[in-house]
């Protein structure tokens, strides 16, 4: 296994890696709407949060010589399912057809005060 580390995505805030490579599979840890340069949450707007989150996922994938086009499974964590349609709208702009398999789960809270977190599994 090989750790993925990039300055183009937020640093891990706990005892985990931004991502791991195992053979041809890439496992990206949950990413949120944090600007990797400032460490700040980008916005309270869920669409802007979703876009930044997917850009952070993409940065980790690119550090592993992959891209969003190679995502086979995504898990989306949301703190309010009322935001699901807005998240889907932005998600569809970043992901391509055929879309990855996906789960979406409403959670009571996330480790920081954000509305969305996304983790993915991709191929190289």
C-alpha atoms as a PDB file:
ATOM      1  CA  UNK A   1       0.000   0.000   0.000  1.00  0.00           C
ATOM      2  CA  UNK A   2       1.039   3.571  -0.640  1.00  0.00           C
ATOM      3  CA  UNK A   3      -0.112   6.747   1.081  1.00  0.00           C
ATOM      4  CA  UNK A   4      -1.413   9.656  -0.985  1.00  0.00           C
ATOM      5  CA  UNK A   5      -0.439  13.116   0.221  1.00  0.00           C
ATOM      6  CA  UNK A   6      -0.985  16.430  -1.538  1.00  0.00           C
ATOM      7  CA  UNK A   7      -0.929  20.085  -0.529  1.00  0.00           C
ATOM      8  CA  UNK A   8      -3.771  20.650  -3.025  1.00  0.00           C
ATOM      9  CA  UNK A   9      -6.303  19.130  -0.596  1.00  0.00           C
ATOM     10  CA  UNK A  10      -6.796  19.801   3.116  1.00  0.00           C
ATOM     11  CA  UNK A  11      -4.443  17.983   5.457  1.00  0.00           C
ATOM     12  CA  UNK A  12      -5.900  15.173   7.534  1.00  0.00           C
ATOM     13  CA  UNK A  13      -7.286  16.374  10.880  1.00  0.00           C
ATOM     14  CA  UNK A  14      -6.772  13.053  12.627  1.00  0.00           C
ATOM     15  CA  UNK A  15      -4.885   9.767  12.463  1.00  0.00           C
ATOM     16  CA  UNK A  16      -5.683   8.979   8.823  1.00  0.00           C
ATOM     17  CA  UNK A  17      -4.310   9.597   5.326  1.00  0.00           C
ATOM     18  CA  UNK A  18      -5.844  11.745   2.608  1.00  0.00           C
ATOM     19  CA  UNK A  19      -5.928   8.547   0.612  1.00  0.00           C
ATOM     20  CA  UNK A  20      -4.336   5.177   0.028  1.00  0.00           C
ATOM     21  CA  UNK A  21      -3.375   3.240  -3.072  1.00  0.00           C
ATOM     22  CA  UNK A  22      -3.673  -0.537  -3.004  1.00  0.00           C
ATOM     23  CA  UNK A  23      -2.807  -2.093  -6.344  1.00  0.00           C
ATOM     24  CA  UNK A  24      -5.009  -0.396  -8.929  1.00  0.00           C
ATOM     25  CA  UNK A  25      -7.504   0.856  -6.344  1.00  0.00           C
ATOM     26  CA  UNK A  26      -7.489   4.311  -4.779  1.00  0.00           C
ATOM     27  CA  UNK A  27      -9.322   5.005  -1.526  1.00  0.00           C
ATOM     28  CA  UNK A  28      -9.890   8.703  -0.830  1.00  0.00           C
ATOM     29  CA  UNK A  29     -10.760   9.655   2.745  1.00  0.00           C
ATOM     30  CA  UNK A  30     -13.772  11.857   3.326  1.00  0.00           C
ATOM     31  CA  UNK A  31     -13.157  15.340   1.991  1.00  0.00           C
ATOM     32  CA  UNK A  32     -15.056  18.469   2.944  1.00  0.00           C
ATOM     33  CA  UNK A  33     -15.383  22.066   1.733  1.00  0.00           C
ATOM     34  CA  UNK A  34     -12.126  23.317   3.196  1.00  0.00           C
ATOM     35  CA  UNK A  35      -9.764  25.539   1.223  1.00  0.00           C
ATOM     36  CA  UNK A  36      -6.436  23.675   1.334  1.00  0.00           C
ATOM     37  CA  UNK A  37      -4.434  26.916   1.325  1.00  0.00           C
ATOM     38  CA  UNK A  38      -6.210  28.711   4.158  1.00  0.00           C
ATOM     39  CA  UNK A  39      -7.808  25.863   6.096  1.00  0.00           C
ATOM     40  CA  UNK A  40     -11.090  27.782   6.077  1.00  0.00           C
ATOM     41  CA  UNK A  41     -14.530  26.423   5.186  1.00  0.00           C
ATOM     42  CA  UNK A  42     -15.286  27.979   1.799  1.00  0.00           C
ATOM     43  CA  UNK A  43     -18.885  29.026   2.367  1.00  0.00           C
ATOM     44  CA  UNK A  44     -22.129  28.233   4.124  1.00  0.00           C
ATOM     45  CA  UNK A  45     -23.790  27.711   0.707  1.00  0.00           C
ATOM     46  CA  UNK A  46     -24.219  23.953   0.127  1.00  0.00           C
ATOM     47  CA  UNK A  47     -23.539  24.206  -3.615  1.00  0.00           C
ATOM     48  CA  UNK A  48     -20.245  25.985  -3.006  1.00  0.00           C
ATOM     49  CA  UNK A  49     -19.428  23.475  -0.267  1.00  0.00           C
ATOM     50  CA  UNK A  50     -20.120  20.564  -2.624  1.00  0.00           C
ATOM     51  CA  UNK A  51     -17.987  22.047  -5.404  1.00  0.00           C
ATOM     52  CA  UNK A  52     -14.993  22.593  -3.081  1.00  0.00           C
ATOM     53  CA  UNK A  53     -15.442  19.116  -1.614  1.00  0.00           C
ATOM     54  CA  UNK A  54     -15.304  17.522  -5.061  1.00  0.00           C
ATOM     55  CA  UNK A  55     -12.301  19.671  -6.009  1.00  0.00           C
ATOM     56  CA  UNK A  56     -10.534  18.338  -2.913  1.00  0.00           C
ATOM     57  CA  UNK A  57     -11.452  14.751  -3.857  1.00  0.00           C
ATOM     58  CA  UNK A  58     -10.140  15.450  -7.355  1.00  0.00           C
ATOM     59  CA  UNK A  59      -6.846  16.815  -5.974  1.00  0.00           C
ATOM     60  CA  UNK A  60      -6.224  13.623  -3.997  1.00  0.00           C
ATOM     61  CA  UNK A  61      -7.054  11.508  -7.040  1.00  0.00           C
ATOM     62  CA  UNK A  62      -4.719  13.560  -9.236  1.00  0.00           C
ATOM     63  CA  UNK A  63      -1.922  13.037  -6.703  1.00  0.00           C
ATOM     64  CA  UNK A  64      -2.486   9.317  -7.308  1.00  0.00           C
ATOM     65  CA  UNK A  65      -2.401   9.730 -11.119  1.00  0.00           C
ATOM     66  CA  UNK A  66      -6.156   9.313 -11.431  1.00  0.00           C
ATOM     67  CA  UNK A  67      -9.221  11.533 -11.818  1.00  0.00           C
ATOM     68  CA  UNK A  68     -12.918  11.838 -11.058  1.00  0.00           C
ATOM     69  CA  UNK A  69     -13.582   9.917 -14.297  1.00  0.00           C
ATOM     70  CA  UNK A  70     -12.157   6.809 -12.608  1.00  0.00           C
ATOM     71  CA  UNK A  71     -14.411   6.900  -9.525  1.00  0.00           C
ATOM     72  CA  UNK A  72     -16.332   3.633  -9.168  1.00  0.00           C
ATOM     73  CA  UNK A  73     -17.998   4.271  -5.775  1.00  0.00           C
ATOM     74  CA  UNK A  74     -18.816   7.411  -3.829  1.00  0.00           C
ATOM     75  CA  UNK A  75     -20.289   7.928  -0.396  1.00  0.00           C
ATOM     76  CA  UNK A  76     -21.894  11.289   0.332  1.00  0.00           C
ATOM     77  CA  UNK A  77     -22.504  12.343   3.924  1.00  0.00           C
ATOM     78  CA  UNK A  78     -24.944  15.243   4.411  1.00  0.00           C
ATOM     79  CA  UNK A  79     -26.092  16.925   7.590  1.00  0.00           C
ATOM     80  CA  UNK A  80     -29.478  17.896   6.117  1.00  0.00           C
ATOM     81  CA  UNK A  81     -31.210  15.785   3.477  1.00  0.00           C
ATOM     82  CA  UNK A  82     -33.107  18.929   2.423  1.00  0.00           C
ATOM     83  CA  UNK A  83     -29.834  19.848   0.660  1.00  0.00           C
ATOM     84  CA  UNK A  84     -29.765  16.596  -1.335  1.00  0.00           C
ATOM     85  CA  UNK A  85     -31.093  18.083  -4.604  1.00  0.00           C
ATOM     86  CA  UNK A  86     -28.594  20.958  -4.522  1.00  0.00           C
ATOM     87  CA  UNK A  87     -25.726  18.550  -3.795  1.00  0.00           C
ATOM     88  CA  UNK A  88     -26.851  16.303  -6.672  1.00  0.00           C
ATOM     89  CA  UNK A  89     -26.925  19.266  -9.044  1.00  0.00           C
ATOM     90  CA  UNK A  90     -23.280  20.103  -8.372  1.00  0.00           C
ATOM     91  CA  UNK A  91     -22.232  16.428  -8.155  1.00  0.00           C
ATOM     92  CA  UNK A  92     -23.593  15.860 -11.682  1.00  0.00           C
ATOM     93  CA  UNK A  93     -21.368  18.683 -12.988  1.00  0.00           C
ATOM     94  CA  UNK A  94     -18.218  16.987 -11.665  1.00  0.00           C
ATOM     95  CA  UNK A  95     -18.974  13.313 -12.312  1.00  0.00           C
ATOM     96  CA  UNK A  96     -19.404  11.802 -15.754  1.00  0.00           C
ATOM     97  CA  UNK A  97     -21.726   9.230 -17.243  1.00  0.00           C
ATOM     98  CA  UNK A  98     -21.775   6.374 -16.422  1.00  0.00           C
ATOM     99  CA  UNK A  99     -22.004   7.740 -12.896  1.00  0.00           C
ATOM    100  CA  UNK A 100     -20.276   5.872 -10.054  1.00  0.00           C
ATOM    101  CA  UNK A 101     -22.198   3.675  -7.666  1.00  0.00           C
ATOM    102  CA  UNK A 102     -23.128   5.839  -4.690  1.00  0.00           C
ATOM    103  CA  UNK A 103     -24.589   5.950  -1.218  1.00  0.00           C
ATOM    104  CA  UNK A 104     -25.931   9.063   0.475  1.00  0.00           C
ATOM    105  CA  UNK A 105     -26.328   9.188   4.222  1.00  0.00           C
ATOM    106  CA  UNK A 106     -27.731  11.883   6.467  1.00  0.00           C
ATOM    107  CA  UNK A 107     -25.615  12.283   9.585  1.00  0.00           C
ATOM    108  CA  UNK A 108     -26.216  14.271  12.762  1.00  0.00           C
ATOM    109  CA  UNK A 109     -22.853  16.012  12.502  1.00  0.00           C
ATOM    110  CA  UNK A 110     -19.465  15.905  10.800  1.00  0.00           C
ATOM    111  CA  UNK A 111     -16.050  16.453  12.435  1.00  0.00           C
ATOM    112  CA  UNK A 112     -16.158  20.142  11.516  1.00  0.00           C
ATOM    113  CA  UNK A 113     -19.198  22.384  10.949  1.00  0.00           C
ATOM    114  CA  UNK A 114     -19.881  21.573   7.283  1.00  0.00           C
ATOM    115  CA  UNK A 115     -22.900  20.354   5.346  1.00  0.00           C
ATOM    116  CA  UNK A 116     -21.290  17.727   3.119  1.00  0.00           C
ATOM    117  CA  UNK A 117     -18.417  15.252   3.094  1.00  0.00           C
ATOM    118  CA  UNK A 118     -17.572  12.875   0.240  1.00  0.00           C
ATOM    119  CA  UNK A 119     -15.315   9.810   0.096  1.00  0.00           C
ATOM    120  CA  UNK A 120     -14.590   7.767  -3.030  1.00  0.00           C
ATOM    121  CA  UNK A 121     -13.021   4.611  -4.350  1.00  0.00           C
ATOM    122  CA  UNK A 122     -11.402   4.917  -7.772  1.00  0.00           C
ATOM    123  CA  UNK A 123      -9.093   3.051 -10.115  1.00  0.00           C
ATOM    124  CA  UNK A 124      -5.742   4.041 -11.562  1.00  0.00           C
END
